[in-house]
Each structure stands twice: as structure tokens, then as C-alpha cells.
Amino acid sequence: MSIKLIHNVWEDTKTTDQIELLAMLALADFSNDEGCCYPWMKTIARKAQREQSVRRIIVRLIETG
């Protein structure tokens, strides 16, 4: 778990999409301080809502950097 990344999500995220915010927090929860994480999609979906929504959000996050 990276407290640093979780803090960054709360401070820097401008999204109003609650599922996107939950997905980003879940990813940060599984990350090290360098931002590396390799959780299963189902694991993130369990924390964030539905797997289909999480897949869409992760693709969008990757595309936007």
C-alpha cells in the first residue's frame, strides 16, 4: 500500500466520477511508492464496483497517462 499515492489521488484528482475515484484509490492501495501494482481486475472491481466499469476506467487512465 502506498500512502503517498493514496494521498496524491485525493489531492490531485479532479474527477467527479465516484467509481473512477474508487478504482484509482484501489490501484493506489495495491501500489508501491513507485506506482507499480499488479492486482487482478476482479480484485480492483471488488473494491470499486463492477468489473466492466473498472476495465473501462483503467483503459481511460492508461490512455491519459
N, C-alpha and C. Protein backbone atom coordinates (compact mmCIF):
# COMPACT_ATOMS: atom_id res chain seq x y z
N MET A 1 0.84 -1.17 0.00
CA MET A 1 0.00 0.00 0.00
C MET A 1 0.89 1.24 0.00
N SER A 2 0.56 2.19 -0.84
CA SER A 2 1.32 3.42 -0.88
C SER A 2 0.45 4.58 -0.37
N ILE A 3 0.75 4.99 0.83
CA ILE A 3 0.05 6.14 1.41
C ILE A 3 0.30 7.38 0.55
N LYS A 4 1.51 7.46 0.01
CA LYS A 4 1.88 8.60 -0.85
C LYS A 4 0.95 8.67 -2.07
N LEU A 5 0.72 7.55 -2.74
CA LEU A 5 -0.14 7.55 -3.92
C LEU A 5 -1.61 7.76 -3.55
N ILE A 6 -2.04 7.19 -2.44
CA ILE A 6 -3.42 7.41 -2.00
C ILE A 6 -3.63 8.89 -1.73
N HIS A 7 -2.66 9.52 -1.07
CA HIS A 7 -2.73 10.96 -0.81
C HIS A 7 -2.81 11.74 -2.13
N ASN A 8 -1.98 11.35 -3.11
CA ASN A 8 -1.98 12.02 -4.41
C ASN A 8 -3.33 11.89 -5.11
N VAL A 9 -3.94 10.73 -5.01
CA VAL A 9 -5.27 10.55 -5.62
C VAL A 9 -6.25 11.53 -5.00
N TRP A 10 -6.27 11.62 -3.68
CA TRP A 10 -7.19 12.54 -3.01
C TRP A 10 -6.89 14.00 -3.36
N GLU A 11 -5.62 14.36 -3.43
CA GLU A 11 -5.24 15.76 -3.66
C GLU A 11 -5.32 16.19 -5.12
N ASP A 12 -4.94 15.32 -6.04
CA ASP A 12 -4.76 15.73 -7.44
C ASP A 12 -5.89 15.35 -8.37
N THR A 13 -6.80 14.52 -7.92
CA THR A 13 -7.84 14.02 -8.81
C THR A 13 -8.97 15.02 -8.91
N LYS A 14 -9.33 15.33 -10.15
CA LYS A 14 -10.41 16.28 -10.40
C LYS A 14 -11.71 15.59 -10.82
N THR A 15 -11.70 14.27 -10.82
CA THR A 15 -12.86 13.53 -11.30
C THR A 15 -14.06 13.68 -10.38
N THR A 16 -15.23 13.67 -10.98
CA THR A 16 -16.47 13.65 -10.20
C THR A 16 -17.11 12.27 -10.29
N ASP A 17 -16.49 11.38 -11.05
CA ASP A 17 -16.98 10.01 -11.20
C ASP A 17 -16.55 9.19 -9.99
N GLN A 18 -17.50 8.80 -9.17
CA GLN A 18 -17.17 8.10 -7.92
C GLN A 18 -16.52 6.75 -8.16
N ILE A 19 -16.96 6.03 -9.18
CA ILE A 19 -16.36 4.72 -9.46
C ILE A 19 -14.92 4.89 -9.94
N GLU A 20 -14.66 5.93 -10.72
CA GLU A 20 -13.29 6.19 -11.16
C GLU A 20 -12.40 6.51 -9.96
N LEU A 21 -12.91 7.31 -9.04
CA LEU A 21 -12.14 7.64 -7.84
C LEU A 21 -11.87 6.38 -7.01
N LEU A 22 -12.87 5.53 -6.84
CA LEU A 22 -12.68 4.28 -6.10
C LEU A 22 -11.65 3.39 -6.79
N ALA A 23 -11.71 3.31 -8.11
CA ALA A 23 -10.75 2.49 -8.86
C ALA A 23 -9.34 3.02 -8.67
N MET A 24 -9.17 4.34 -8.73
CA MET A 24 -7.85 4.93 -8.55
C MET A 24 -7.33 4.70 -7.13
N LEU A 25 -8.20 4.81 -6.14
CA LEU A 25 -7.80 4.54 -4.77
C LEU A 25 -7.44 3.07 -4.57
N ALA A 26 -8.20 2.18 -5.19
CA ALA A 26 -7.90 0.76 -5.09
C ALA A 26 -6.55 0.44 -5.74
N LEU A 27 -6.28 1.04 -6.89
CA LEU A 27 -4.97 0.84 -7.53
C LEU A 27 -3.85 1.36 -6.64
N ALA A 28 -4.04 2.53 -6.06
CA ALA A 28 -3.03 3.09 -5.16
C ALA A 28 -2.83 2.19 -3.94
N ASP A 29 -3.91 1.58 -3.48
CA ASP A 29 -3.84 0.69 -2.32
C ASP A 29 -2.97 -0.53 -2.60
N PHE A 30 -2.92 -0.96 -3.85
CA PHE A 30 -2.11 -2.13 -4.23
C PHE A 30 -0.74 -1.74 -4.80
N SER A 31 -0.41 -0.46 -4.78
CA SER A 31 0.83 0.02 -5.39
C SER A 31 1.94 0.19 -4.37
N ASN A 32 3.16 0.14 -4.89
CA ASN A 32 4.28 0.55 -4.06
C ASN A 32 4.48 2.06 -4.29
N ASP A 33 5.45 2.67 -3.65
CA ASP A 33 5.64 4.12 -3.77
C ASP A 33 6.06 4.56 -5.17
N GLU A 34 6.55 3.65 -5.97
CA GLU A 34 6.92 3.97 -7.35
C GLU A 34 5.73 3.86 -8.30
N GLY A 35 4.60 3.38 -7.82
CA GLY A 35 3.40 3.28 -8.64
C GLY A 35 3.22 1.94 -9.32
N CYS A 36 4.03 0.96 -9.00
CA CYS A 36 3.91 -0.37 -9.60
C CYS A 36 2.86 -1.18 -8.84
N CYS A 37 1.94 -1.74 -9.60
CA CYS A 37 0.95 -2.63 -8.98
C CYS A 37 0.46 -3.62 -10.03
N TYR A 38 0.13 -4.80 -9.58
CA TYR A 38 -0.30 -5.85 -10.48
C TYR A 38 -1.48 -6.64 -9.90
N PRO A 39 -2.51 -5.96 -9.43
CA PRO A 39 -3.66 -6.70 -8.89
C PRO A 39 -4.51 -7.27 -10.02
N TRP A 40 -5.27 -8.28 -9.70
CA TRP A 40 -6.23 -8.82 -10.65
C TRP A 40 -7.35 -7.80 -10.85
N MET A 41 -7.92 -7.78 -12.04
CA MET A 41 -9.02 -6.87 -12.33
C MET A 41 -10.19 -7.12 -11.36
N LYS A 42 -10.45 -8.38 -11.05
CA LYS A 42 -11.54 -8.71 -10.13
C LYS A 42 -11.28 -8.17 -8.73
N THR A 43 -10.03 -8.11 -8.34
CA THR A 43 -9.68 -7.57 -7.03
C THR A 43 -9.99 -6.08 -6.96
N ILE A 44 -9.61 -5.35 -8.00
CA ILE A 44 -9.92 -3.92 -8.06
C ILE A 44 -11.42 -3.71 -8.14
N ALA A 45 -12.09 -4.51 -8.95
CA ALA A 45 -13.53 -4.38 -9.12
C ALA A 45 -14.27 -4.62 -7.81
N ARG A 46 -13.77 -5.54 -7.00
CA ARG A 46 -14.41 -5.82 -5.71
C ARG A 46 -14.42 -4.58 -4.82
N LYS A 47 -13.39 -3.77 -4.93
CA LYS A 47 -13.30 -2.56 -4.12
C LYS A 47 -14.03 -1.39 -4.77
N ALA A 48 -14.08 -1.37 -6.08
CA ALA A 48 -14.55 -0.18 -6.78
C ALA A 48 -15.97 -0.26 -7.33
N GLN A 49 -16.50 -1.44 -7.56
CA GLN A 49 -17.86 -1.58 -8.06
C GLN A 49 -17.95 -2.77 -8.99
N ARG A 50 -18.11 -2.51 -10.28
CA ARG A 50 -18.28 -3.58 -11.26
C ARG A 50 -17.03 -3.72 -12.12
N GLU A 51 -16.74 -4.95 -12.48
CA GLU A 51 -15.53 -5.22 -13.27
C GLU A 51 -15.55 -4.50 -14.61
N GLN A 52 -16.69 -4.47 -15.27
CA GLN A 52 -16.79 -3.81 -16.57
C GLN A 52 -16.47 -2.32 -16.45
N SER A 53 -16.96 -1.68 -15.42
CA SER A 53 -16.68 -0.26 -15.20
C SER A 53 -15.20 -0.04 -14.92
N VAL A 54 -14.62 -0.92 -14.12
CA VAL A 54 -13.21 -0.79 -13.77
C VAL A 54 -12.34 -0.97 -15.01
N ARG A 55 -12.66 -1.92 -15.86
CA ARG A 55 -11.89 -2.11 -17.10
C ARG A 55 -11.91 -0.83 -17.95
N ARG A 56 -13.08 -0.24 -18.09
CA ARG A 56 -13.23 0.98 -18.89
C ARG A 56 -12.41 2.11 -18.27
N ILE A 57 -12.46 2.24 -16.97
CA ILE A 57 -11.74 3.31 -16.27
C ILE A 57 -10.23 3.11 -16.40
N ILE A 58 -9.75 1.89 -16.25
CA ILE A 58 -8.32 1.63 -16.34
C ILE A 58 -7.81 1.92 -17.75
N VAL A 59 -8.57 1.54 -18.75
CA VAL A 59 -8.18 1.86 -20.13
C VAL A 59 -8.08 3.38 -20.32
N ARG A 60 -9.06 4.11 -19.79
CA ARG A 60 -9.04 5.57 -19.91
C ARG A 60 -7.86 6.17 -19.14
N LEU A 61 -7.56 5.63 -17.96
CA LEU A 61 -6.41 6.14 -17.20
C LEU A 61 -5.10 5.90 -17.93
N ILE A 62 -4.97 4.74 -18.54
CA ILE A 62 -3.75 4.43 -19.30
C ILE A 62 -3.62 5.37 -20.49
N GLU A 63 -4.73 5.61 -21.19
CA GLU A 63 -4.70 6.49 -22.36
C GLU A 63 -4.34 7.92 -22.01
N THR A 64 -4.76 8.37 -20.83
CA THR A 64 -4.49 9.76 -20.44
C THR A 64 -3.20 9.92 -19.64
N GLY A 65 -2.54 8.79 -19.38
CA GLY A 65 -1.24 8.84 -18.70
C GLY A 65 -1.39 8.94 -17.22
